[in-house]
Amino acid sequence: MSSRKSDSSFDSRRYRGQIERELILGGILITLVVGGGLIALFWGIGGFFTALVCFTSALLLAGVVWGVLKLIEMASRD
């Protein structure tokens, strides 16, 4: 039996953060591809570009909210 050193160095918090980032990115990508494709199919290319602007606005707003919460978290640690 060989002792595995990698088991003791496993960081579950880091792994969970990595998985969460991948899931969020995958969800956004699926929304853009499937949602954008359906919008382009039903309403044409003009509707697609309008939806792209809405998707981008929503992502920017979510990024601003995340940034504010991250700043509050960093300020509360000190």
Protein backbone atom coordinates (compact mmCIF):
# COMPACT_ATOMS: atom_id res chain seq x y z
CA MET A 1 0.00 0.00 0.00
CA SER A 2 1.36 3.32 -0.96
CA SER A 3 0.62 6.40 1.04
CA ARG A 4 -0.97 9.12 -1.04
CA LYS A 5 0.14 12.57 -0.12
CA SER A 6 -2.42 14.24 -2.41
CA ASP A 7 -5.31 13.20 -0.13
CA SER A 8 -3.99 15.26 2.76
CA SER A 9 -3.51 18.34 0.58
CA PHE A 10 -7.06 18.37 -0.80
CA ASP A 11 -8.75 21.72 -0.16
CA SER A 12 -12.51 21.29 -0.30
CA ARG A 13 -13.23 25.04 -0.12
CA ARG A 14 -11.03 25.76 -3.11
CA TYR A 15 -12.58 22.88 -5.01
CA ARG A 16 -16.09 24.09 -4.18
CA GLY A 17 -15.21 27.60 -5.37
CA GLN A 18 -13.85 26.20 -8.62
CA ILE A 19 -16.98 24.11 -9.21
CA GLU A 20 -19.24 27.09 -8.44
CA ARG A 21 -17.38 29.26 -10.97
CA GLU A 22 -17.64 26.57 -13.62
CA LEU A 23 -21.37 26.07 -12.99
CA ILE A 24 -22.08 29.80 -13.14
CA LEU A 25 -20.09 30.17 -16.35
CA GLY A 26 -21.84 27.13 -17.86
CA GLY A 27 -25.27 28.49 -16.92
CA ILE A 28 -24.50 31.84 -18.50
CA LEU A 29 -23.16 30.18 -21.63
CA ILE A 30 -26.20 27.92 -21.98
CA THR A 31 -28.52 30.90 -21.45
CA LEU A 32 -26.76 32.89 -24.13
CA VAL A 33 -26.57 30.08 -26.68
CA VAL A 34 -29.98 28.50 -26.18
CA GLY A 35 -31.84 31.68 -25.28
CA GLY A 36 -30.14 33.73 -27.96
CA GLY A 37 -30.69 31.02 -30.54
CA LEU A 38 -34.40 30.77 -29.77
CA ILE A 39 -34.80 34.54 -29.83
CA ALA A 40 -33.00 34.71 -33.18
CA LEU A 41 -35.19 31.90 -34.49
CA PHE A 42 -38.49 33.49 -33.46
CA TRP A 43 -37.79 37.23 -33.78
CA GLY A 44 -34.85 37.45 -36.14
CA ILE A 45 -31.43 38.98 -35.91
CA GLY A 46 -32.71 42.33 -34.62
CA GLY A 47 -34.34 40.63 -31.67
CA PHE A 48 -31.16 38.69 -31.05
CA PHE A 49 -29.07 41.84 -30.76
CA THR A 50 -31.65 43.43 -28.48
CA ALA A 51 -31.59 40.33 -26.28
CA LEU A 52 -27.78 40.42 -26.28
CA VAL A 53 -27.91 43.97 -24.94
CA CYS A 54 -30.36 42.84 -22.22
CA PHE A 55 -28.18 39.84 -21.31
CA THR A 56 -25.11 42.07 -21.09
CA SER A 57 -26.95 44.61 -18.94
CA ALA A 58 -28.12 41.90 -16.56
CA LEU A 59 -24.59 40.48 -16.27
CA LEU A 60 -23.15 43.93 -15.59
CA LEU A 61 -25.74 44.58 -12.90
CA ALA A 62 -25.02 41.20 -11.30
CA GLY A 63 -21.29 42.01 -11.43
CA VAL A 64 -21.83 45.35 -9.70
CA VAL A 65 -23.91 43.73 -6.95
CA TRP A 66 -21.26 41.01 -6.51
CA GLY A 67 -18.53 43.65 -6.36
CA VAL A 68 -20.34 45.69 -3.71
CA LEU A 69 -20.95 42.59 -1.61
CA LYS A 70 -17.30 41.58 -1.98
CA LEU A 71 -16.18 45.03 -0.80
CA ILE A 72 -18.49 44.80 2.20
CA GLU A 73 -17.07 41.36 3.00
CA MET A 74 -13.49 42.61 2.77
CA ALA A 75 -14.27 45.65 4.93
CA SER A 76 -15.94 43.52 7.60
CA ARG A 77 -12.88 41.26 7.94
CA ASP A 78 -10.62 44.09 9.10
